[in-house]
C-alpha atoms as a PDB file:
ATOM      1  CA  MET A   1    -121.028 -90.002-120.324  1.00  0.00           C
ATOM      2  CA  LEU A   2    -122.040 -87.848-123.267  1.00  0.00           C
ATOM      3  CA  VAL A   3    -122.443 -84.080-123.116  1.00  0.00           C
ATOM      4  CA  ARG A   4    -123.886 -81.490-125.469  1.00  0.00           C
ATOM      5  CA  ILE A   5    -121.816 -78.408-126.251  1.00  0.00           C
ATOM      6  CA  ALA A   6    -124.088 -75.709-127.680  1.00  0.00           C
ATOM      7  CA  ILE A   7    -123.968 -72.058-128.664  1.00  0.00           C
ATOM      8  CA  ASP A   8    -125.372 -69.859-125.894  1.00  0.00           C
ATOM      9  CA  TYR A   9    -127.349 -67.240-127.794  1.00  0.00           C
ATOM     10  CA  GLU A  10    -127.866 -65.236-124.593  1.00  0.00           C
ATOM     11  CA  HIS A  11    -124.115 -64.510-124.413  1.00  0.00           C
ATOM     12  CA  PRO A  12    -123.863 -61.077-126.061  1.00  0.00           C
ATOM     13  CA  GLY A  13    -120.113 -60.903-126.725  1.00  0.00           C
ATOM     14  CA  ARG A  14    -118.381 -61.473-130.051  1.00  0.00           C
ATOM     15  CA  ARG A  15    -114.758 -61.229-128.892  1.00  0.00           C
ATOM     16  CA  TRP A  16    -114.348 -64.976-128.282  1.00  0.00           C
ATOM     17  CA  TRP A  17    -115.692 -65.840-131.732  1.00  0.00           C
ATOM     18  CA  GLU A  18    -113.470 -63.249-133.406  1.00  0.00           C
ATOM     19  CA  SER A  19    -110.344 -64.181-131.389  1.00  0.00           C
ATOM     20  CA  GLY A  20    -110.153 -67.792-132.577  1.00  0.00           C
ATOM     21  CA  GLY A  21    -113.235 -69.320-130.996  1.00  0.00           C
ATOM     22  CA  GLN A  22    -115.035 -69.673-134.322  1.00  0.00           C
ATOM     23  CA  GLU A  23    -112.196 -71.758-135.753  1.00  0.00           C
ATOM     24  CA  LEU A  24    -112.059 -73.925-132.616  1.00  0.00           C
ATOM     25  CA  TRP A  25    -115.855 -74.413-132.733  1.00  0.00           C
ATOM     26  CA  ASP A  26    -115.836 -75.263-136.438  1.00  0.00           C
ATOM     27  CA  ALA A  27    -113.118 -77.887-135.873  1.00  0.00           C
ATOM     28  CA  LEU A  28    -115.362 -79.661-133.330  1.00  0.00           C
ATOM     29  CA  LEU A  29    -118.492 -79.778-135.485  1.00  0.00           C
ATOM     30  CA  GLU A  30    -119.533 -82.808-137.491  1.00  0.00           C
ATOM     31  CA  SER A  31    -121.544 -80.668-139.922  1.00  0.00           C
ATOM     32  CA  PRO A  32    -120.840 -77.034-140.832  1.00  0.00           C
ATOM     33  CA  GLY A  33    -123.168 -74.471-139.287  1.00  0.00           C
ATOM     34  CA  ALA A  34    -124.399 -76.745-136.491  1.00  0.00           C
ATOM     35  CA  ASN A  35    -125.547 -75.092-133.255  1.00  0.00           C
ATOM     36  CA  ASP A  36    -124.520 -77.969-131.026  1.00  0.00           C
ATOM     37  CA  VAL A  37    -122.479 -81.139-130.902  1.00  0.00           C
ATOM     38  CA  ILE A  38    -122.575 -84.220-128.672  1.00  0.00           C
ATOM     39  CA  VAL A  39    -119.220 -85.554-127.510  1.00  0.00           C
ATOM     40  CA  ASP A  40    -117.712 -87.692-124.786  1.00  0.00           C
ATOM     41  CA  GLU A  41    -117.270 -85.831-121.498  1.00  0.00           C
ATOM     42  CA  SER A  42    -113.473 -86.208-121.516  1.00  0.00           C
ATOM     43  CA  LEU A  43    -113.249 -84.655-124.989  1.00  0.00           C
ATOM     44  CA  ALA A  44    -115.557 -81.849-123.867  1.00  0.00           C
ATOM     45  CA  GLN A  45    -113.373 -81.107-120.835  1.00  0.00           C
ATOM     46  CA  SER A  46    -110.250 -80.912-122.987  1.00  0.00           C
ATOM     47  CA  TRP A  47    -111.997 -78.789-125.601  1.00  0.00           C
ATOM     48  CA  VAL A  48    -113.459 -76.363-123.015  1.00  0.00           C
ATOM     49  CA  LYS A  49    -109.999 -75.933-121.524  1.00  0.00           C
ATOM     50  CA  GLN A  50    -108.773 -74.747-124.946  1.00  0.00           C
ATOM     51  CA  ALA A  51    -111.874 -72.598-125.427  1.00  0.00           C
ATOM     52  CA  ALA A  52    -111.427 -70.923-122.040  1.00  0.00           C
ATOM     53  CA  ALA A  53    -107.914 -69.837-123.015  1.00  0.00           C
ATOM     54  CA  ILE A  54    -109.285 -67.692-125.866  1.00  0.00           C
ATOM     55  CA  GLU A  55    -109.921 -64.026-125.113  1.00  0.00           C
ATOM     56  CA  GLY A  56    -113.596 -63.308-124.479  1.00  0.00           C
ATOM     57  CA  TRP A  57    -114.590 -66.664-122.949  1.00  0.00           C
ATOM     58  CA  HIS A  58    -115.415 -65.156-119.543  1.00  0.00           C
ATOM     59  CA  GLU A  59    -116.955 -61.876-120.716  1.00  0.00           C
ATOM     60  CA  GLY A  60    -120.654 -62.673-120.537  1.00  0.00           C
ATOM     61  CA  PRO A  61    -123.203 -61.734-117.885  1.00  0.00           C
ATOM     62  CA  ASP A  62    -123.975 -64.022-114.935  1.00  0.00           C
ATOM     63  CA  TYR A  63    -126.828 -65.730-116.797  1.00  0.00           C
ATOM     64  CA  ALA A  64    -124.643 -66.467-119.868  1.00  0.00           C
ATOM     65  CA  PRO A  65    -120.981 -66.241-118.829  1.00  0.00           C
ATOM     66  CA  HIS A  66    -119.550 -68.143-121.819  1.00  0.00           C
ATOM     67  CA  PRO A  67    -120.331 -68.235-125.555  1.00  0.00           C
ATOM     68  CA  LEU A  68    -121.077 -71.977-125.296  1.00  0.00           C
ATOM     69  CA  THR A  69    -122.823 -74.195-122.779  1.00  0.00           C
ATOM     70  CA  VAL A  70    -121.993 -77.757-121.759  1.00  0.00           C
ATOM     71  CA  GLN A  71    -124.856 -79.932-120.533  1.00  0.00           C
ATOM     72  CA  PRO A  72    -125.135 -83.678-119.836  1.00  0.00           C
ATOM     73  CA  VAL A  73    -127.120 -85.610-122.407  1.00  0.00           C
ATOM     74  CA  ASP A  74    -130.181 -87.373-120.984  1.00  0.00           C
ATOM     75  CA  GLY A  75    -129.891 -91.118-121.418  1.00  0.00           C
ATOM     76  CA  ASP A  76    -133.263 -91.162-123.218  1.00  0.00           C
ATOM     77  CA  ALA A  77    -132.407 -88.374-125.677  1.00  0.00           C
ATOM     78  CA  ASP A  78    -131.884 -88.996-129.375  1.00  0.00           C
ATOM     79  CA  VAL A  79    -128.222 -88.480-130.202  1.00  0.00           C
END
């Protein structure tokens, strides 16, 4: 199964990005400056585990708890 990892613009914090999250995000992207990336679910799980270990991951409000979201990709979506 494929999933989309995307920046959650409703997450107000910057700590995760400034504590190493930006470098981790950039390493995952296929093109610099992208707002999302589609990857295999197993890769996403491994990557999110690393992301969650960075300070600031859990500092958002209830409606946007993390700087990034992970959502399943609809089978009919263009990828």
